[in-house]
Amino acid sequence: MSLQDDLTAVRRNLNELVRSVERLEQDVARQAPAAARPPGQGQGPMVSVPDTPYDSSLWTDSDDEGLGARDRHAP
């Protein structure tokens, strides 16, 4: 292939990429309004989470995720 043929192919591919990105942006713009709503608008009531500590009995017999069991050491 000549240099001119290569440049033509690159331009054609670049134009196709630009068209694909524009289509993707349009698809995202159509879907974004539902996801971009502030909390509490059309997503159900807000739930308040208290600042008080959780009851420690909730964690009885539980392992620390990612850290392994409390009575064992990592290899």
PDB file of N, CA and C in Angstrom:
ATOM      1  N   MET A   1       0.855  -1.188   0.000  1.00  0.00           N
ATOM      2  CA  MET A   1       0.000   0.000   0.000  1.00  0.00           C
ATOM      3  C   MET A   1       0.890   1.237   0.000  1.00  0.00           C
ATOM      4  N   SER A   2       0.397   2.250  -0.633  1.00  0.00           N
ATOM      5  CA  SER A   2       1.142   3.499  -0.647  1.00  0.00           C
ATOM      6  C   SER A   2       0.791   4.322   0.582  1.00  0.00           C
ATOM      7  N   LEU A   3       1.569   5.337   0.805  1.00  0.00           N
ATOM      8  CA  LEU A   3       1.322   6.225   1.943  1.00  0.00           C
ATOM      9  C   LEU A   3      -0.055   6.867   1.827  1.00  0.00           C
ATOM     10  N   GLN A   4      -0.453   7.232   0.622  1.00  0.00           N
ATOM     11  CA  GLN A   4      -1.764   7.858   0.404  1.00  0.00           C
ATOM     12  C   GLN A   4      -2.894   6.890   0.742  1.00  0.00           C
ATOM     13  N   ASP A   5      -2.732   5.629   0.377  1.00  0.00           N
ATOM     14  CA  ASP A   5      -3.746   4.624   0.703  1.00  0.00           C
ATOM     15  C   ASP A   5      -3.854   4.437   2.218  1.00  0.00           C
ATOM     16  N   ASP A   6      -2.706   4.442   2.882  1.00  0.00           N
ATOM     17  CA  ASP A   6      -2.704   4.316   4.341  1.00  0.00           C
ATOM     18  C   ASP A   6      -3.416   5.499   4.991  1.00  0.00           C
ATOM     19  N   LEU A   7      -3.137   6.690   4.528  1.00  0.00           N
ATOM     20  CA  LEU A   7      -3.783   7.892   5.086  1.00  0.00           C
ATOM     21  C   LEU A   7      -5.289   7.871   4.841  1.00  0.00           C
ATOM     22  N   THR A   8      -5.688   7.409   3.684  1.00  0.00           N
ATOM     23  CA  THR A   8      -7.118   7.308   3.379  1.00  0.00           C
ATOM     24  C   THR A   8      -7.794   6.312   4.314  1.00  0.00           C
ATOM     25  N   ALA A   9      -7.142   5.186   4.544  1.00  0.00           N
ATOM     26  CA  ALA A   9      -7.706   4.182   5.450  1.00  0.00           C
ATOM     27  C   ALA A   9      -7.785   4.724   6.873  1.00  0.00           C
ATOM     28  N   VAL A  10      -6.773   5.448   7.305  1.00  0.00           N
ATOM     29  CA  VAL A  10      -6.786   6.028   8.657  1.00  0.00           C
ATOM     30  C   VAL A  10      -7.913   7.037   8.775  1.00  0.00           C
ATOM     31  N   ARG A  11      -8.089   7.898   7.784  1.00  0.00           N
ATOM     32  CA  ARG A  11      -9.186   8.879   7.819  1.00  0.00           C
ATOM     33  C   ARG A  11     -10.546   8.197   7.879  1.00  0.00           C
ATOM     34  N   ARG A  12     -10.702   7.148   7.080  1.00  0.00           N
ATOM     35  CA  ARG A  12     -11.974   6.414   7.049  1.00  0.00           C
ATOM     36  C   ARG A  12     -12.249   5.786   8.422  1.00  0.00           C
ATOM     37  N   ASN A  13     -11.230   5.170   9.016  1.00  0.00           N
ATOM     38  CA  ASN A  13     -11.399   4.561  10.336  1.00  0.00           C
ATOM     39  C   ASN A  13     -11.659   5.610  11.402  1.00  0.00           C
ATOM     40  N   LEU A  14     -10.989   6.737  11.320  1.00  0.00           N
ATOM     41  CA  LEU A  14     -11.201   7.808  12.285  1.00  0.00           C
ATOM     42  C   LEU A  14     -12.616   8.375  12.175  1.00  0.00           C
ATOM     43  N   ASN A  15     -13.102   8.545  10.958  1.00  0.00           N
ATOM     44  CA  ASN A  15     -14.473   9.027  10.767  1.00  0.00           C
ATOM     45  C   ASN A  15     -15.488   8.041  11.337  1.00  0.00           C
ATOM     46  N   GLU A  16     -15.236   6.743  11.141  1.00  0.00           N
ATOM     47  CA  GLU A  16     -16.137   5.725  11.692  1.00  0.00           C
ATOM     48  C   GLU A  16     -16.098   5.743  13.218  1.00  0.00           C
ATOM     49  N   LEU A  17     -14.923   5.953  13.786  1.00  0.00           N
ATOM     50  CA  LEU A  17     -14.800   6.058  15.234  1.00  0.00           C
ATOM     51  C   LEU A  17     -15.574   7.256  15.763  1.00  0.00           C
ATOM     52  N   VAL A  18     -15.470   8.389  15.094  1.00  0.00           N
ATOM     53  CA  VAL A  18     -16.200   9.586  15.515  1.00  0.00           C
ATOM     54  C   VAL A  18     -17.698   9.329  15.465  1.00  0.00           C
ATOM     55  N   ARG A  19     -18.180   8.682  14.406  1.00  0.00           N
ATOM     56  CA  ARG A  19     -19.615   8.374  14.308  1.00  0.00           C
ATOM     57  C   ARG A  19     -20.051   7.427  15.425  1.00  0.00           C
ATOM     58  N   SER A  20     -19.217   6.443  15.744  1.00  0.00           N
ATOM     59  CA  SER A  20     -19.559   5.499  16.810  1.00  0.00           C
ATOM     60  C   SER A  20     -19.617   6.185  18.170  1.00  0.00           C
ATOM     61  N   VAL A  21     -18.680   7.075  18.430  1.00  0.00           N
ATOM     62  CA  VAL A  21     -18.683   7.802  19.699  1.00  0.00           C
ATOM     63  C   VAL A  21     -19.897   8.712  19.788  1.00  0.00           C
ATOM     64  N   GLU A  22     -20.268   9.360  18.699  1.00  0.00           N
ATOM     65  CA  GLU A  22     -21.457  10.211  18.705  1.00  0.00           C
ATOM     66  C   GLU A  22     -22.715   9.395  18.987  1.00  0.00           C
ATOM     67  N   ARG A  23     -22.817   8.198  18.392  1.00  0.00           N
ATOM     68  CA  ARG A  23     -23.974   7.333  18.673  1.00  0.00           C
ATOM     69  C   ARG A  23     -23.993   6.909  20.132  1.00  0.00           C
ATOM     70  N   LEU A  24     -22.828   6.577  20.656  1.00  0.00           N
ATOM     71  CA  LEU A  24     -22.735   6.182  22.065  1.00  0.00           C
ATOM     72  C   LEU A  24     -23.138   7.338  22.981  1.00  0.00           C
ATOM     73  N   GLU A  25     -22.685   8.548  22.682  1.00  0.00           N
ATOM     74  CA  GLU A  25     -23.067   9.720  23.481  1.00  0.00           C
ATOM     75  C   GLU A  25     -24.576   9.945  23.445  1.00  0.00           C
ATOM     76  N   GLN A  26     -25.186   9.744  22.279  1.00  0.00           N
ATOM     77  CA  GLN A  26     -26.637   9.901  22.173  1.00  0.00           C
ATOM     78  C   GLN A  26     -27.365   8.843  22.997  1.00  0.00           C
ATOM     79  N   ASP A  27     -26.884   7.606  22.955  1.00  0.00           N
ATOM     80  CA  ASP A  27     -27.503   6.535  23.744  1.00  0.00           C
ATOM     81  C   ASP A  27     -27.397   6.835  25.237  1.00  0.00           C
ATOM     82  N   VAL A  28     -26.241   7.297  25.672  1.00  0.00           N
ATOM     83  CA  VAL A  28     -26.039   7.610  27.084  1.00  0.00           C
ATOM     84  C   VAL A  28     -26.908   8.797  27.490  1.00  0.00           C
ATOM     85  N   ALA A  29     -27.032   9.776  26.624  1.00  0.00           N
ATOM     86  CA  ALA A  29     -27.855  10.950  26.936  1.00  0.00           C
ATOM     87  C   ALA A  29     -29.318  10.565  27.111  1.00  0.00           C
ATOM     88  N   ARG A  30     -29.782   9.568  26.357  1.00  0.00           N
ATOM     89  CA  ARG A  30     -31.170   9.121  26.499  1.00  0.00           C
ATOM     90  C   ARG A  30     -31.391   8.382  27.804  1.00  0.00           C
ATOM     91  N   GLN A  31     -30.376   7.668  28.274  1.00  0.00           N
ATOM     92  CA  GLN A  31     -30.507   6.886  29.493  1.00  0.00           C
ATOM     93  C   GLN A  31     -30.161   7.689  30.734  1.00  0.00           C
ATOM     94  N   ALA A  32     -29.371   8.739  30.605  1.00  0.00           N
ATOM     95  CA  ALA A  32     -28.862   9.494  31.752  1.00  0.00           C
ATOM     96  C   ALA A  32     -29.935  10.203  32.571  1.00  0.00           C
ATOM     97  N   PRO A  33     -30.988  10.764  31.990  1.00  0.00           N
ATOM     98  CA  PRO A  33     -31.934  11.502  32.835  1.00  0.00           C
ATOM     99  C   PRO A  33     -32.482  10.689  33.998  1.00  0.00           C
ATOM    100  N   ALA A  34     -32.750   9.420  33.828  1.00  0.00           N
ATOM    101  CA  ALA A  34     -33.273   8.610  34.928  1.00  0.00           C
ATOM    102  C   ALA A  34     -32.206   8.374  35.989  1.00  0.00           C
ATOM    103  N   ALA A  35     -30.967   8.184  35.575  1.00  0.00           N
ATOM    104  CA  ALA A  35     -29.897   7.903  36.517  1.00  0.00           C
ATOM    105  C   ALA A  35     -29.356   9.172  37.173  1.00  0.00           C
ATOM    106  N   ALA A  36     -29.544  10.322  36.542  1.00  0.00           N
ATOM    107  CA  ALA A  36     -28.962  11.562  37.049  1.00  0.00           C
ATOM    108  C   ALA A  36     -29.885  12.305  38.010  1.00  0.00           C
ATOM    109  N   ARG A  37     -31.049  11.752  38.282  1.00  0.00           N
ATOM    110  CA  ARG A  37     -31.963  12.411  39.211  1.00  0.00           C
ATOM    111  C   ARG A  37     -31.387  12.454  40.610  1.00  0.00           C
ATOM    112  N   PRO A  38     -31.624  13.544  41.325  1.00  0.00           N
ATOM    113  CA  PRO A  38     -31.167  13.583  42.719  1.00  0.00           C
ATOM    114  C   PRO A  38     -31.890  12.535  43.551  1.00  0.00           C
ATOM    115  N   PRO A  39     -31.268  12.059  44.626  1.00  0.00           N
ATOM    116  CA  PRO A  39     -31.903  11.043  45.477  1.00  0.00           C
ATOM    117  C   PRO A  39     -33.254  11.524  45.999  1.00  0.00           C
ATOM    118  N   GLY A  40     -34.175  10.604  46.063  1.00  0.00           N
ATOM    119  CA  GLY A  40     -35.487  10.932  46.604  1.00  0.00           C
ATOM    120  C   GLY A  40     -36.501  11.354  45.558  1.00  0.00           C
ATOM    121  N   GLN A  41     -36.075  11.534  44.327  1.00  0.00           N
ATOM    122  CA  GLN A  41     -37.010  11.917  43.271  1.00  0.00           C
ATOM    123  C   GLN A  41     -37.257  10.729  42.362  1.00  0.00           C
ATOM    124  N   GLY A  42     -38.355  10.048  42.583  1.00  0.00           N
ATOM    125  CA  GLY A  42     -38.721   8.917  41.758  1.00  0.00           C
ATOM    126  C   GLY A  42     -37.988   7.634  42.117  1.00  0.00           C
ATOM    127  N   GLN A  43     -37.204   7.654  43.159  1.00  0.00           N
ATOM    128  CA  GLN A  43     -36.474   6.461  43.542  1.00  0.00           C
ATOM    129  C   GLN A  43     -36.946   5.926  44.882  1.00  0.00           C
ATOM    130  N   GLY A  44     -38.036   6.392  45.379  1.00  0.00           N
ATOM    131  CA  GLY A  44     -38.542   5.940  46.668  1.00  0.00           C
ATOM    132  C   GLY A  44     -38.079   6.870  47.775  1.00  0.00           C
ATOM    133  N   PRO A  45     -38.602   6.662  48.951  1.00  0.00           N
ATOM    134  CA  PRO A  45     -38.265   7.553  50.059  1.00  0.00           C
ATOM    135  C   PRO A  45     -36.816   7.351  50.518  1.00  0.00           C
ATOM    136  N   MET A  46     -36.245   8.430  51.052  1.00  0.00           N
ATOM    137  CA  MET A  46     -34.890   8.342  51.603  1.00  0.00           C
ATOM    138  C   MET A  46     -34.944   7.611  52.935  1.00  0.00           C
ATOM    139  N   VAL A  47     -33.908   6.861  53.221  1.00  0.00           N
ATOM    140  CA  VAL A  47     -33.816   6.123  54.460  1.00  0.00           C
ATOM    141  C   VAL A  47     -32.696   6.742  55.276  1.00  0.00           C
ATOM    142  N   SER A  48     -33.002   7.138  56.494  1.00  0.00           N
ATOM    143  CA  SER A  48     -31.954   7.716  57.327  1.00  0.00           C
ATOM    144  C   SER A  48     -31.219   6.600  58.066  1.00  0.00           C
ATOM    145  N   VAL A  49     -29.910   6.763  58.173  1.00  0.00           N
ATOM    146  CA  VAL A  49     -29.074   5.790  58.858  1.00  0.00           C
ATOM    147  C   VAL A  49     -28.556   6.465  60.121  1.00  0.00           C
ATOM    148  N   PRO A  50     -28.830   5.882  61.288  1.00  0.00           N
ATOM    149  CA  PRO A  50     -28.415   6.532  62.530  1.00  0.00           C
ATOM    150  C   PRO A  50     -26.896   6.524  62.685  1.00  0.00           C
ATOM    151  N   ASP A  51     -26.386   7.509  63.434  1.00  0.00           N
ATOM    152  CA  ASP A  51     -24.953   7.616  63.692  1.00  0.00           C
ATOM    153  C   ASP A  51     -24.512   6.766  64.876  1.00  0.00           C
ATOM    154  N   THR A  52     -25.440   6.174  65.587  1.00  0.00           N
ATOM    155  CA  THR A  52     -25.088   5.367  66.757  1.00  0.00           C
ATOM    156  C   THR A  52     -24.399   4.084  66.314  1.00  0.00           C
ATOM    157  N   PRO A  53     -23.481   3.560  67.124  1.00  0.00           N
ATOM    158  CA  PRO A  53     -22.785   2.324  66.750  1.00  0.00           C
ATOM    159  C   PRO A  53     -23.753   1.142  66.688  1.00  0.00           C
ATOM    160  N   TYR A  54     -23.413   0.200  65.822  1.00  0.00           N
ATOM    161  CA  TYR A  54     -24.212  -1.012  65.720  1.00  0.00           C
ATOM    162  C   TYR A  54     -23.981  -1.891  66.950  1.00  0.00           C
ATOM    163  N   ASP A  55     -24.935  -2.718  67.230  1.00  0.00           N
ATOM    164  CA  ASP A  55     -24.826  -3.674  68.322  1.00  0.00           C
ATOM    165  C   ASP A  55     -23.719  -4.677  67.984  1.00  0.00           C
ATOM    166  N   SER A  56     -22.744  -4.847  68.859  1.00  0.00           N
ATOM    167  CA  SER A  56     -21.606  -5.727  68.576  1.00  0.00           C
ATOM    168  C   SER A  56     -22.021  -7.188  68.430  1.00  0.00           C
ATOM    169  N   SER A  57     -23.181  -7.565  68.945  1.00  0.00           N
ATOM    170  CA  SER A  57     -23.626  -8.950  68.795  1.00  0.00           C
ATOM    171  C   SER A  57     -23.939  -9.285  67.329  1.00  0.00           C
ATOM    172  N   LEU A  58     -24.098  -8.261  66.488  1.00  0.00           N
ATOM    173  CA  LEU A  58     -24.333  -8.519  65.066  1.00  0.00           C
ATOM    174  C   LEU A  58     -23.110  -9.163  64.416  1.00  0.00           C
ATOM    175  N   TRP A  59     -21.933  -8.925  64.974  1.00  0.00           N
ATOM    176  CA  TRP A  59     -20.697  -9.384  64.361  1.00  0.00           C
ATOM    177  C   TRP A  59     -20.155 -10.652  65.022  1.00  0.00           C
ATOM    178  N   THR A  60     -20.885 -11.244  65.925  1.00  0.00           N
ATOM    179  CA  THR A  60     -20.437 -12.479  66.561  1.00  0.00           C
ATOM    180  C   THR A  60     -20.307 -13.578  65.514  1.00  0.00           C
ATOM    181  N   ASP A  61     -19.210 -14.334  65.606  1.00  0.00           N
ATOM    182  CA  ASP A  61     -18.945 -15.444  64.681  1.00  0.00           C
ATOM    183  C   ASP A  61     -18.793 -15.017  63.228  1.00  0.00           C
ATOM    184  N   SER A  62     -18.384 -13.796  63.000  1.00  0.00           N
ATOM    185  CA  SER A  62     -18.172 -13.356  61.619  1.00  0.00           C
ATOM    186  C   SER A  62     -16.681 -13.192  61.360  1.00  0.00           C
ATOM    187  N   ASP A  63     -16.296 -13.429  60.135  1.00  0.00           N
ATOM    188  CA  ASP A  63     -14.906 -13.232  59.722  1.00  0.00           C
ATOM    189  C   ASP A  63     -14.791 -11.849  59.105  1.00  0.00           C
ATOM    190  N   ASP A  64     -13.612 -11.253  59.229  1.00  0.00           N
ATOM    191  CA  ASP A  64     -13.368  -9.968  58.577  1.00  0.00           C
ATOM    192  C   ASP A  64     -13.146 -10.239  57.099  1.00  0.00           C
ATOM    193  N   GLU A  65     -13.989  -9.664  56.266  1.00  0.00           N
ATOM    194  CA  GLU A  65     -13.876  -9.910  54.835  1.00  0.00           C
ATOM    195  C   GLU A  65     -12.534  -9.397  54.330  1.00  0.00           C
ATOM    196  N   GLY A  66     -11.871 -10.234  53.608  1.00  0.00           N
ATOM    197  CA  GLY A  66     -10.594  -9.859  53.040  1.00  0.00           C
ATOM    198  C   GLY A  66      -9.435 -10.032  53.997  1.00  0.00           C
ATOM    199  N   LEU A  67      -9.701 -10.215  55.291  1.00  0.00           N
ATOM    200  CA  LEU A  67      -8.630 -10.362  56.262  1.00  0.00           C
ATOM    201  C   LEU A  67      -8.540 -11.774  56.802  1.00  0.00           C
ATOM    202  N   GLY A  68      -9.518 -12.574  56.552  1.00  0.00           N
ATOM    203  CA  GLY A  68      -9.516 -13.946  57.027  1.00  0.00           C
ATOM    204  C   GLY A  68     -10.147 -14.073  58.401  1.00  0.00           C
ATOM    205  N   ALA A  69     -10.072 -15.237  58.937  1.00  0.00           N
ATOM    206  CA  ALA A  69     -10.686 -15.515  60.236  1.00  0.00           C
ATOM    207  C   ALA A  69      -9.840 -14.893  61.349  1.00  0.00           C
ATOM    208  N   ARG A  70     -10.483 -14.554  62.439  1.00  0.00           N
ATOM    209  CA  ARG A  70      -9.799 -13.886  63.543  1.00  0.00           C
ATOM    210  C   ARG A  70      -8.784 -14.783  64.246  1.00  0.00           C
ATOM    211  N   ASP A  71      -9.033 -16.082  64.306  1.00  0.00           N
ATOM    212  CA  ASP A  71      -8.149 -16.983  65.057  1.00  0.00           C
ATOM    213  C   ASP A  71      -7.073 -17.627  64.174  1.00  0.00           C
ATOM    214  N   ARG A  72      -6.980 -17.226  62.916  1.00  0.00           N
ATOM    215  CA  ARG A  72      -5.975 -17.781  62.015  1.00  0.00           C
ATOM    216  C   ARG A  72      -5.111 -16.666  61.445  1.00  0.00           C
ATOM    217  N   HIS A  73      -3.898 -17.021  61.058  1.00  0.00           N
ATOM    218  CA  HIS A  73      -2.988 -16.049  60.470  1.00  0.00           C
ATOM    219  C   HIS A  73      -2.879 -16.281  58.980  1.00  0.00           C
ATOM    220  N   ALA A  74      -2.579 -15.215  58.264  1.00  0.00           N
ATOM    221  CA  ALA A  74      -2.373 -15.339  56.818  1.00  0.00           C
ATOM    222  C   ALA A  74      -1.086 -16.100  56.541  1.00  0.00           C
ATOM    223  N   PRO A  75      -1.007 -16.809  55.440  1.00  0.00           N
ATOM    224  CA  PRO A  75       0.207 -17.577  55.135  1.00  0.00           C
ATOM    225  C   PRO A  75       1.396 -16.672  54.894  1.00  0.00           C
TER     226      PRO A  75
END
